[in-house]
Amino acid sequence: MPRHIWTEADLARYQARTKQPHPQQALSPWERVALTLPWPPSVNHYWRPVGSRLLLTDAGKAYKRTVAQAVLRTWPRAIPRPLHGHLGVTLTYHRSDQQRYDVDNFAKSLLDALTHAGVWLDDSQVDALHLLRGALAEVAHVVVTIQQLRQAEKA
């Protein structure tokens, strides 16, 4: 799914519909945005080597589409996107089984999918990343919490 480029007409419709300020704003320092997303593929299943390059697997492509759809369902009420500035992100993993896993194996695919969905401009904006193992759940999922750390410096 290509990233949507905002036009002036889009901005006017957005502001009229949501009574929100410009969507390309930063969160207030006290605001947090939470998204519940499906369980991501591990980094081992996200890319496949082809010659000297790494290509996204079918599972990786499907996950990016799923995250983009989940963000669209939540936004525009919850997320003014793309977020600007320096961000803190907490990923809380909730498995549906007792299987052992490394929490860091899933972060890259999840952050890439959020970038693809247009939540932020680039995942290099994430200055603080917290990975937590949550309680067991009926359906495996990840709760993503995003908080503004500080505004981007103006050039």
C-alpha atoms as a PDB file:
ATOM      1  CA  MET A   1       0.000   0.000   0.000  1.00  0.00           C
ATOM      2  CA  PRO A   2       1.629   3.279  -1.038  1.00  0.00           C
ATOM      3  CA  ARG A   3       1.895   6.048   1.522  1.00  0.00           C
ATOM      4  CA  HIS A   4      -0.787   8.702   1.053  1.00  0.00           C
ATOM      5  CA  ILE A   5       0.469  12.210   0.254  1.00  0.00           C
ATOM      6  CA  TRP A   6      -1.733  14.843   1.880  1.00  0.00           C
ATOM      7  CA  THR A   7      -3.195  17.518  -0.397  1.00  0.00           C
ATOM      8  CA  GLU A   8      -4.731  20.798   0.759  1.00  0.00           C
ATOM      9  CA  ALA A   9      -8.194  19.353   0.021  1.00  0.00           C
ATOM     10  CA  ASP A  10      -7.395  16.319   2.205  1.00  0.00           C
ATOM     11  CA  LEU A  11      -6.324  18.614   5.046  1.00  0.00           C
ATOM     12  CA  ALA A  12      -9.505  20.675   4.785  1.00  0.00           C
ATOM     13  CA  ARG A  13     -11.697  17.528   4.815  1.00  0.00           C
ATOM     14  CA  TYR A  14      -9.736  16.102   7.754  1.00  0.00           C
ATOM     15  CA  GLN A  15     -10.046  19.279   9.804  1.00  0.00           C
ATOM     16  CA  ALA A  16     -13.760  19.682   9.015  1.00  0.00           C
ATOM     17  CA  ARG A  17     -14.537  16.038   9.824  1.00  0.00           C
ATOM     18  CA  THR A  18     -12.503  15.661  12.989  1.00  0.00           C
ATOM     19  CA  LYS A  19     -12.269  19.238  14.274  1.00  0.00           C
ATOM     20  CA  GLN A  20      -8.587  18.398  14.816  1.00  0.00           C
ATOM     21  CA  PRO A  21      -5.544  20.519  13.989  1.00  0.00           C
ATOM     22  CA  HIS A  22      -3.225  19.685  11.098  1.00  0.00           C
ATOM     23  CA  PRO A  23      -2.575  15.900  11.045  1.00  0.00           C
ATOM     24  CA  GLN A  24       1.184  16.300  10.708  1.00  0.00           C
ATOM     25  CA  GLN A  25       1.633  17.462  14.257  1.00  0.00           C
ATOM     26  CA  ALA A  26       3.423  16.162  17.267  1.00  0.00           C
ATOM     27  CA  LEU A  27       1.655  14.670  20.241  1.00  0.00           C
ATOM     28  CA  SER A  28       1.503  16.776  23.378  1.00  0.00           C
ATOM     29  CA  PRO A  29       4.102  15.619  25.916  1.00  0.00           C
ATOM     30  CA  TRP A  30       1.375  14.136  28.138  1.00  0.00           C
ATOM     31  CA  GLU A  31      -0.487  12.379  25.312  1.00  0.00           C
ATOM     32  CA  ARG A  32      -0.063   8.691  24.598  1.00  0.00           C
ATOM     33  CA  VAL A  33      -1.408   6.775  21.656  1.00  0.00           C
ATOM     34  CA  ALA A  34      -2.108   3.062  22.019  1.00  0.00           C
ATOM     35  CA  LEU A  35      -2.689   0.575  19.210  1.00  0.00           C
ATOM     36  CA  THR A  36      -3.488  -3.114  19.519  1.00  0.00           C
ATOM     37  CA  LEU A  37      -1.934  -4.983  16.618  1.00  0.00           C
ATOM     38  CA  PRO A  38      -1.735  -8.634  15.587  1.00  0.00           C
ATOM     39  CA  TRP A  39       1.303 -10.714  16.476  1.00  0.00           C
ATOM     40  CA  PRO A  40       4.182  -9.819  14.097  1.00  0.00           C
ATOM     41  CA  PRO A  41       6.390 -12.236  12.188  1.00  0.00           C
ATOM     42  CA  SER A  42       9.820 -12.656  13.733  1.00  0.00           C
ATOM     43  CA  VAL A  43      12.792 -11.067  12.063  1.00  0.00           C
ATOM     44  CA  ASN A  44      13.725 -14.604  10.930  1.00  0.00           C
ATOM     45  CA  HIS A  45      10.488 -14.835   8.879  1.00  0.00           C
ATOM     46  CA  TYR A  46      10.260 -11.206   7.766  1.00  0.00           C
ATOM     47  CA  TRP A  47      13.053 -11.203   5.171  1.00  0.00           C
ATOM     48  CA  ARG A  48      14.573 -13.815   2.888  1.00  0.00           C
ATOM     49  CA  PRO A  49      17.997 -13.685   1.272  1.00  0.00           C
ATOM     50  CA  VAL A  50      18.054 -13.504  -2.526  1.00  0.00           C
ATOM     51  CA  GLY A  51      21.614 -13.343  -3.759  1.00  0.00           C
ATOM     52  CA  SER A  52      23.285 -10.512  -1.883  1.00  0.00           C
ATOM     53  CA  ARG A  53      19.989  -8.776  -1.041  1.00  0.00           C
ATOM     54  CA  LEU A  54      17.295  -9.246   1.573  1.00  0.00           C
ATOM     55  CA  LEU A  55      13.709  -9.192   0.307  1.00  0.00           C
ATOM     56  CA  LEU A  56      10.487  -8.969   2.255  1.00  0.00           C
ATOM     57  CA  THR A  57       8.721 -12.326   2.536  1.00  0.00           C
ATOM     58  CA  ASP A  58       5.042 -12.844   1.742  1.00  0.00           C
ATOM     59  CA  ALA A  59       4.382 -13.001   5.494  1.00  0.00           C
ATOM     60  CA  GLY A  60       6.157  -9.647   5.901  1.00  0.00           C
ATOM     61  CA  LYS A  61       4.115  -8.049   3.125  1.00  0.00           C
ATOM     62  CA  ALA A  62       0.869  -9.395   4.570  1.00  0.00           C
ATOM     63  CA  TYR A  63       1.770  -8.106   8.032  1.00  0.00           C
ATOM     64  CA  LYS A  64       2.517  -4.620   6.687  1.00  0.00           C
ATOM     65  CA  ARG A  65      -0.907  -4.554   4.991  1.00  0.00           C
ATOM     66  CA  THR A  66      -2.628  -5.768   8.170  1.00  0.00           C
ATOM     67  CA  VAL A  67      -0.963  -3.098  10.309  1.00  0.00           C
ATOM     68  CA  ALA A  68      -1.838  -0.377   7.782  1.00  0.00           C
ATOM     69  CA  GLN A  69      -5.490  -1.473   7.895  1.00  0.00           C
ATOM     70  CA  ALA A  70      -5.469  -1.507  11.719  1.00  0.00           C
ATOM     71  CA  VAL A  71      -3.989   2.005  11.808  1.00  0.00           C
ATOM     72  CA  LEU A  72      -6.595   3.256   9.326  1.00  0.00           C
ATOM     73  CA  ARG A  73      -9.383   1.817  11.499  1.00  0.00           C
ATOM     74  CA  THR A  74      -8.011   3.626  14.555  1.00  0.00           C
ATOM     75  CA  TRP A  75      -7.054   6.864  12.838  1.00  0.00           C
ATOM     76  CA  PRO A  76      -8.017   9.723  12.611  1.00  0.00           C
ATOM     77  CA  ARG A  77      -9.531   9.617  16.100  1.00  0.00           C
ATOM     78  CA  ALA A  78      -6.418   8.454  17.910  1.00  0.00           C
ATOM     79  CA  ILE A  79      -3.379   9.295  15.801  1.00  0.00           C
ATOM     80  CA  PRO A  80      -2.475  12.583  14.172  1.00  0.00           C
ATOM     81  CA  ARG A  81      -0.160  11.174  11.520  1.00  0.00           C
ATOM     82  CA  PRO A  82       2.558  11.168  10.604  1.00  0.00           C
ATOM     83  CA  LEU A  83       3.961  11.934  14.014  1.00  0.00           C
ATOM     84  CA  HIS A  84       6.926  14.291  14.132  1.00  0.00           C
ATOM     85  CA  GLY A  85       9.701  14.742  16.626  1.00  0.00           C
ATOM     86  CA  HIS A  86      11.337  12.279  18.968  1.00  0.00           C
ATOM     87  CA  LEU A  87       9.181   9.383  20.117  1.00  0.00           C
ATOM     88  CA  GLY A  88       9.158   6.807  22.866  1.00  0.00           C
ATOM     89  CA  VAL A  89       7.560   3.465  21.987  1.00  0.00           C
ATOM     90  CA  THR A  90       6.564   0.617  24.282  1.00  0.00           C
ATOM     91  CA  LEU A  91       5.765  -2.783  22.764  1.00  0.00           C
ATOM     92  CA  THR A  92       3.920  -5.127  25.121  1.00  0.00           C
ATOM     93  CA  TYR A  93       3.726  -8.665  23.738  1.00  0.00           C
ATOM     94  CA  HIS A  94       0.788 -10.879  24.730  1.00  0.00           C
ATOM     95  CA  ARG A  95       1.175 -14.499  23.590  1.00  0.00           C
ATOM     96  CA  SER A  96      -1.656 -17.000  23.439  1.00  0.00           C
ATOM     97  CA  ASP A  97       0.572 -19.917  24.437  1.00  0.00           C
ATOM     98  CA  GLN A  98       3.477 -20.693  26.737  1.00  0.00           C
ATOM     99  CA  GLN A  99       6.013 -20.922  23.887  1.00  0.00           C
ATOM    100  CA  ARG A 100       9.337 -19.241  24.629  1.00  0.00           C
ATOM    101  CA  TYR A 101      10.316 -16.252  22.486  1.00  0.00           C
ATOM    102  CA  ASP A 102      12.781 -13.377  22.373  1.00  0.00           C
ATOM    103  CA  VAL A 103      10.943 -10.052  22.569  1.00  0.00           C
ATOM    104  CA  ASP A 104      13.570  -8.355  20.406  1.00  0.00           C
ATOM    105  CA  ASN A 105      12.933 -10.691  17.428  1.00  0.00           C
ATOM    106  CA  PHE A 106       9.622  -8.980  16.677  1.00  0.00           C
ATOM    107  CA  ALA A 107      10.409  -5.283  17.152  1.00  0.00           C
ATOM    108  CA  LYS A 108      11.960  -4.586  13.728  1.00  0.00           C
ATOM    109  CA  SER A 109       9.055  -5.986  11.705  1.00  0.00           C
ATOM    110  CA  LEU A 110       6.550  -4.112  13.873  1.00  0.00           C
ATOM    111  CA  LEU A 111       8.374  -0.767  13.640  1.00  0.00           C
ATOM    112  CA  ASP A 112       8.793  -1.163   9.865  1.00  0.00           C
ATOM    113  CA  ALA A 113       5.074  -1.903   9.489  1.00  0.00           C
ATOM    114  CA  LEU A 114       4.182   1.221  11.516  1.00  0.00           C
ATOM    115  CA  THR A 115       6.466   3.298   9.284  1.00  0.00           C
ATOM    116  CA  HIS A 116       4.783   1.808   6.212  1.00  0.00           C
ATOM    117  CA  ALA A 117       1.369   2.665   7.700  1.00  0.00           C
ATOM    118  CA  GLY A 118       2.432   6.304   8.032  1.00  0.00           C
ATOM    119  CA  VAL A 119       2.281   6.504  11.831  1.00  0.00           C
ATOM    120  CA  TRP A 120       5.598   8.395  11.788  1.00  0.00           C
ATOM    121  CA  LEU A 121       7.912   9.606   9.079  1.00  0.00           C
ATOM    122  CA  ASP A 122      10.669   7.099   9.870  1.00  0.00           C
ATOM    123  CA  ASP A 123      11.388   4.680  12.702  1.00  0.00           C
ATOM    124  CA  SER A 124      14.649   6.555  13.306  1.00  0.00           C
ATOM    125  CA  GLN A 125      12.422   8.991  15.257  1.00  0.00           C
ATOM    126  CA  VAL A 126      12.096   6.345  17.982  1.00  0.00           C
ATOM    127  CA  ASP A 127      14.598   7.425  20.635  1.00  0.00           C
ATOM    128  CA  ALA A 128      13.345   5.119  23.400  1.00  0.00           C
ATOM    129  CA  LEU A 129      12.093   1.595  22.765  1.00  0.00           C
ATOM    130  CA  HIS A 130      10.748  -0.544  25.610  1.00  0.00           C
ATOM    131  CA  LEU A 131       9.968  -4.229  25.027  1.00  0.00           C
ATOM    132  CA  LEU A 132       7.729  -5.921  27.579  1.00  0.00           C
ATOM    133  CA  ARG A 133       6.415  -9.446  27.934  1.00  0.00           C
ATOM    134  CA  GLY A 134       2.716  -9.137  28.812  1.00  0.00           C
ATOM    135  CA  ALA A 135       0.208 -11.577  30.196  1.00  0.00           C
ATOM    136  CA  LEU A 136      -1.168 -14.506  28.214  1.00  0.00           C
ATOM    137  CA  ALA A 137      -4.179 -13.680  26.054  1.00  0.00           C
ATOM    138  CA  GLU A 138      -6.744 -15.662  24.089  1.00  0.00           C
ATOM    139  CA  VAL A 139      -5.421 -14.174  20.841  1.00  0.00           C
ATOM    140  CA  ALA A 140      -1.746 -13.238  20.482  1.00  0.00           C
ATOM    141  CA  HIS A 141      -1.273  -9.507  19.981  1.00  0.00           C
ATOM    142  CA  VAL A 142       1.007  -6.562  20.675  1.00  0.00           C
ATOM    143  CA  VAL A 143      -0.018  -3.331  22.368  1.00  0.00           C
ATOM    144  CA  VAL A 144       1.976  -0.414  20.959  1.00  0.00           C
ATOM    145  CA  THR A 145       2.108   2.743  23.068  1.00  0.00           C
ATOM    146  CA  ILE A 146       3.634   5.866  21.520  1.00  0.00           C
ATOM    147  CA  GLN A 147       4.580   8.991  23.456  1.00  0.00           C
ATOM    148  CA  GLN A 148       6.194  12.252  22.352  1.00  0.00           C
ATOM    149  CA  LEU A 149       9.591  12.724  24.020  1.00  0.00           C
ATOM    150  CA  ARG A 150      10.485  16.107  22.550  1.00  0.00           C
ATOM    151  CA  GLN A 151       9.828  18.116  19.425  1.00  0.00           C
ATOM    152  CA  ALA A 152      12.110  17.916  16.410  1.00  0.00           C
ATOM    153  CA  GLU A 153      14.688  20.689  16.287  1.00  0.00           C
ATOM    154  CA  LYS A 154      13.943  23.248  13.627  1.00  0.00           C
ATOM    155  CA  ALA A 155      16.645  23.663  11.006  1.00  0.00           C
END
